[in-house]
Protein backbone atom coordinates (compact mmCIF):
# COMPACT_ATOMS: atom_id res chain seq x y z
CA MET A 1 125.73 171.87 164.30
CA GLU A 2 123.47 172.14 161.33
CA GLN A 3 126.56 172.10 158.64
CA VAL A 4 127.72 168.76 160.20
CA ARG A 5 123.87 167.12 159.85
CA PHE A 6 123.74 168.45 155.87
CA LEU A 7 127.52 167.05 155.38
CA ILE A 8 126.10 163.59 156.97
CA GLU A 9 122.98 163.80 154.86
CA MET A 10 125.22 164.57 151.73
CA GLN A 11 127.29 161.54 152.38
CA GLU A 12 124.55 159.09 152.55
CA VAL A 13 122.91 161.01 149.19
CA MET A 14 126.47 160.49 147.49
CA SER A 15 126.88 156.92 148.72
CA GLN A 16 123.53 156.07 147.24
CA ALA A 17 124.43 157.60 144.06
CA ARG A 18 127.80 155.66 144.16
CA ARG A 19 125.99 152.27 144.63
CA LEU A 20 123.76 153.20 141.73
CA GLU A 21 126.46 153.99 139.40
CA GLU A 22 128.41 150.69 140.72
CA GLU A 23 125.45 148.65 140.19
CA LYS A 24 124.83 150.03 136.48
CA ARG A 25 128.66 149.71 135.77
CA LYS A 26 128.30 145.87 136.49
CA ILE A 27 125.42 145.53 134.37
CA PRO A 28 127.27 144.78 130.98
CA LEU A 29 129.56 142.54 132.61
CA GLU A 30 126.76 140.32 133.75
CA VAL A 31 125.20 140.50 130.52
CA ALA A 32 128.46 139.45 128.72
CA ASP A 33 128.77 136.47 131.19
CA LEU A 34 125.13 135.34 130.64
CA LYS A 35 125.61 135.71 127.01
CA SER A 36 128.98 133.61 127.22
CA LEU A 37 127.21 130.98 129.06
CA PHE A 38 124.33 130.83 126.90
CA GLU A 39 126.52 130.35 123.78
CA GLU A 40 128.49 127.78 125.66
CA ARG A 41 125.55 125.70 126.36
CA GLU A 42 124.28 126.07 122.66
CA ALA A 43 127.38 124.90 121.31
CA ALA A 44 127.83 122.09 123.30
CA PHE A 45 123.83 121.08 122.35
CA LEU A 46 124.96 121.71 118.65
CA SER A 47 127.85 119.45 118.78
CA ALA A 48 125.64 116.55 120.74
CA SER A 49 123.31 117.13 118.11
CA GLN A 50 125.49 116.62 115.21
CA GLU A 51 127.14 113.68 116.84
CA PHE A 52 123.79 112.22 117.16
CA GLU A 53 122.63 112.76 113.57
CA ALA A 54 126.08 111.22 112.42
CA LEU A 55 125.47 108.22 114.17
CA ARG A 56 122.04 107.74 113.29
CA GLN A 57 122.92 108.22 109.54
CA GLN A 58 125.71 105.42 110.24
CA ARG A 59 123.07 103.15 111.77
CA ARG A 60 120.58 103.55 108.81
CA GLU A 61 123.77 102.96 106.29
CA LYS A 62 124.39 99.77 108.33
CA GLU A 63 120.72 98.33 108.32
CA ARG A 64 120.85 99.25 104.63
CA GLU A 65 123.88 97.31 103.68
CA ILE A 66 122.67 94.14 106.00
CA GLU A 67 119.44 94.34 104.02
CA GLU A 68 120.99 94.45 100.71
CA GLU A 69 123.14 91.42 101.90
CA LYS A 70 119.99 89.54 102.92
CA GLU A 71 118.52 90.14 99.45
CA LYS A 72 121.59 88.98 97.97
CA VAL A 73 121.50 85.55 99.83
CA ASP A 74 117.69 85.46 99.14
CA LYS A 75 118.35 85.55 95.37
CA ALA A 76 121.50 83.39 95.54
CA LYS A 77 119.14 80.60 97.10
CA VAL A 78 116.74 80.99 93.99
CA LYS A 79 119.48 80.41 91.68
CA LEU A 80 120.90 77.41 93.77
CA MET A 81 117.61 75.75 92.83
CA ALA A 82 118.17 75.85 88.92
CA ILE A 83 121.89 75.18 89.11
CA LYS A 84 122.79 71.85 87.40
CA THR A 85 126.15 70.95 87.75
CA ASN A 86 128.06 70.35 91.10
CA LYS A 87 130.58 72.82 90.25
CA GLU A 88 128.22 75.67 89.88
CA TYR A 89 126.45 74.49 92.85
CA TYR A 90 129.40 74.61 95.31
CA ALA A 91 130.40 77.75 93.90
CA MET A 92 127.10 79.22 94.71
CA LEU A 93 127.05 77.91 98.24
CA LYS A 94 130.45 79.40 98.73
CA GLU A 95 129.01 82.60 97.68
CA ILE A 96 126.23 82.45 99.74
CA GLU A 97 128.32 81.58 102.90
CA GLY A 98 130.64 84.45 102.06
CA THR A 99 127.81 87.00 102.10
CA ARG A 100 126.68 85.52 105.21
CA ARG A 101 129.78 85.93 107.07
CA THR A 102 129.86 89.39 105.77
CA ASN A 103 126.67 90.18 106.99
CA THR A 104 127.72 88.79 110.39
CA ALA A 105 130.24 91.23 110.70
CA ARG A 106 128.07 94.39 109.70
CA GLU A 107 125.38 93.22 112.32
CA GLU A 108 128.34 93.59 115.05
CA GLU A 109 129.42 96.72 113.49
CA LEU A 110 125.57 97.56 113.94
CA LEU A 111 125.50 96.75 117.26
CA ALA A 112 128.36 99.12 118.06
CA VAL A 113 126.71 101.72 116.38
CA LEU A 114 123.49 101.33 117.93
CA SER A 115 125.31 101.44 121.60
CA LYS A 116 127.41 104.70 120.47
CA HIS A 117 123.79 105.98 119.05
CA GLU A 118 121.84 105.26 122.62
CA GLU A 119 124.76 107.15 124.24
CA ALA A 120 124.81 109.89 121.88
CA GLU A 121 120.94 110.31 122.31
CA LYS A 122 121.47 110.36 126.28
CA ARG A 123 124.27 113.08 126.06
CA LEU A 124 121.90 114.94 123.54
CA ALA A 125 119.04 115.05 126.30
CA GLU A 126 121.51 116.06 128.94
CA ARG A 127 122.99 119.16 126.71
CA LYS A 128 119.10 120.12 125.75
CA ALA A 129 117.99 120.15 129.44
CA GLU A 130 121.57 122.42 130.18
CA LEU A 131 120.46 124.60 127.44
CA ASP A 132 116.65 125.24 128.26
CA GLU A 133 117.86 126.05 131.91
CA VAL A 134 120.57 128.50 130.89
CA THR A 135 117.80 129.92 128.11
CA ALA A 136 115.11 130.54 130.68
CA LYS A 137 117.25 132.06 133.18
CA TYR A 138 119.05 134.36 130.54
CA ARG A 139 115.53 135.50 129.47
CA GLU A 140 114.21 135.78 133.14
CA ARG A 141 117.42 138.02 134.05
CA MET A 142 117.46 140.19 130.81
CA VAL A 143 113.93 141.15 131.43
CA GLU A 144 114.78 142.08 135.15
CA ILE A 145 117.84 143.94 133.68
CA GLU A 146 116.09 145.91 130.97
CA ALA A 147 113.54 146.94 133.58
CA ARG A 148 116.09 147.95 135.97
CA MET A 149 118.22 150.13 133.28
CA GLY A 150 115.13 152.12 132.67
CA SER A 151 115.06 153.25 136.41
CA PHE A 152 118.45 153.70 136.81
CA ASP A 153 118.58 157.14 135.26
CA GLN A 154 115.54 158.34 136.76
CA ASP A 155 117.06 157.13 140.33
CA ILE A 156 120.34 158.75 139.76
CA ALA A 157 118.79 162.02 138.71
CA LYS A 158 116.52 162.18 141.70
CA ILE A 159 119.61 161.54 144.14
CA LEU A 160 121.76 164.13 142.33
CA ASP A 161 118.94 166.63 142.56
CA ARG A 162 118.68 165.77 146.28
CA LYS A 163 122.47 166.20 146.44
CA ARG A 164 122.39 169.85 144.95
CA GLN A 165 119.43 170.61 147.43
CA VAL A 166 121.84 169.77 150.25
CA ALA A 167 124.59 171.21 148.74
CA SER A 168 122.76 174.79 148.56
CA LYS A 169 122.85 175.03 152.20
CA LEU A 170 126.51 174.62 152.51
CA ASP A 171 129.53 176.90 151.70
CA ALA A 172 130.54 176.06 148.17
CA GLY A 173 134.41 175.45 149.58
CA LEU A 174 133.51 173.15 152.19
CA VAL A 175 131.13 171.20 149.07
CA ARG A 176 134.50 170.93 147.10
CA ARG A 177 136.56 169.62 150.14
CA PHE A 178 133.86 167.43 151.05
CA GLU A 179 133.78 165.79 147.56
CA MET A 180 137.56 165.79 147.35
CA ILE A 181 137.57 163.52 150.94
CA PHE A 182 134.65 161.41 149.68
CA GLU A 183 136.80 160.36 146.68
CA ARG A 184 139.77 159.69 148.29
CA ARG A 185 138.59 158.12 151.24
CA GLU A 186 136.17 155.53 149.94
CA GLY A 187 132.98 157.36 150.33
CA LEU A 188 133.52 158.20 153.84
CA ALA A 189 134.49 162.08 154.25
CA ILE A 190 132.66 162.75 157.50
CA ILE A 191 133.17 160.52 160.40
CA ALA A 192 132.42 160.22 164.14
CA ALA A 193 134.97 160.93 166.75
CA THR A 194 134.18 159.06 169.95
CA ASN A 195 136.18 158.32 173.24
CA TYR A 196 139.07 160.56 171.77
CA SER A 197 139.48 158.36 168.87
CA CYS A 198 138.56 158.80 164.98
CA THR A 199 136.26 156.01 163.76
CA GLY A 200 137.67 156.25 160.44
CA CYS A 201 141.38 155.76 160.95
CA HIS A 202 141.34 154.69 164.45
CA MET A 203 143.88 157.05 165.52
CA ASN A 204 143.79 158.80 168.95
CA ILE A 205 142.63 162.65 168.90
CA SER A 206 144.13 165.22 171.18
CA PRO A 207 142.26 165.84 174.15
CA GLN A 208 142.13 169.63 172.81
CA LEU A 209 140.87 168.75 169.72
CA PHE A 210 138.45 166.36 170.93
CA ASN A 211 137.12 169.20 173.18
CA LEU A 212 136.54 171.53 170.46
CA LEU A 213 134.52 168.88 168.63
CA GLN A 214 131.96 168.80 171.64
CA ARG A 215 131.74 172.30 171.14
CA GLU A 216 129.99 171.90 167.70
CA ASP A 217 131.03 175.68 166.65
CA ARG A 218 133.03 174.69 163.69
CA ILE A 219 134.21 172.22 161.15
CA HIS A 220 137.44 170.06 162.21
CA THR A 221 139.41 167.18 160.44
CA CYS A 222 140.91 164.32 161.51
CA PRO A 223 144.92 164.96 161.78
CA ASN A 224 145.71 161.43 160.13
CA CYS A 225 143.15 160.77 157.82
CA ASN A 226 141.67 164.36 156.86
CA ARG A 227 138.26 163.33 157.22
CA ILE A 228 135.91 165.90 158.95
CA LEU A 229 134.85 164.95 162.14
CA TYR A 230 131.94 165.13 164.32
CA TYR A 231 131.44 164.31 168.16
CA VAL A 232 129.24 161.50 169.35
CA ALA A 233 129.69 160.57 172.94
CA ALA A 234 130.78 156.88 173.73
CA GLU A 235 127.23 155.79 175.13
CA ASP A 236 125.86 157.10 171.91
CA LYS A 237 128.21 155.20 169.57
CA ALA A 238 127.85 152.04 171.54
CA SER A 239 123.86 152.23 171.44
CA GLY A 240 123.97 153.03 167.58
CA GLU A 241 123.83 156.80 167.82
């Protein structure tokens, strides 16, 4: 039956249009996800970078303090040579020893800062690698998406034009009914009936209706799911029609 053939073709065309529309609809969501991941990696990198810089500043500050204390010790040693009284001599020795103890504590603090600085440098390298990876993927995918978006409208327009051509060969009332079933039955408006069964809802079909389907002289629908039916012999269905 020619109308059935056109309806099957129309279903294929409408399914293609639906797939394209669904793909187009998902793109903004994918772009938002990509952007969110990029921003997450970027924030992690900036945080690691700030931590690294703060520890580097602490390291320089400790090194500067230690150097200043060493200079104090050197100057105190020079003064020590010029002191003439025992009281002043022992007072200066006490000051030098105090400065050395202070420097020993600062050197231990510096070692702790150096350890944290090395760990922060390692984390910074890891965050940088993660950011570089997601940036490369983000840019690559955006190029693909932009190219795809440019062809979407053309592809959909071609499909809809093909749908209009097919619809022009069918009764307008049948087209409206077909479109309504297509929407309500998740893109399956016309379906094969084989071995006394609707392959859409899998309900049995009466022998009378099944015989009418085999005549292929008019449009019939499934009494259960209301899809338009067309006859396919069991052996044809098993071999993929």
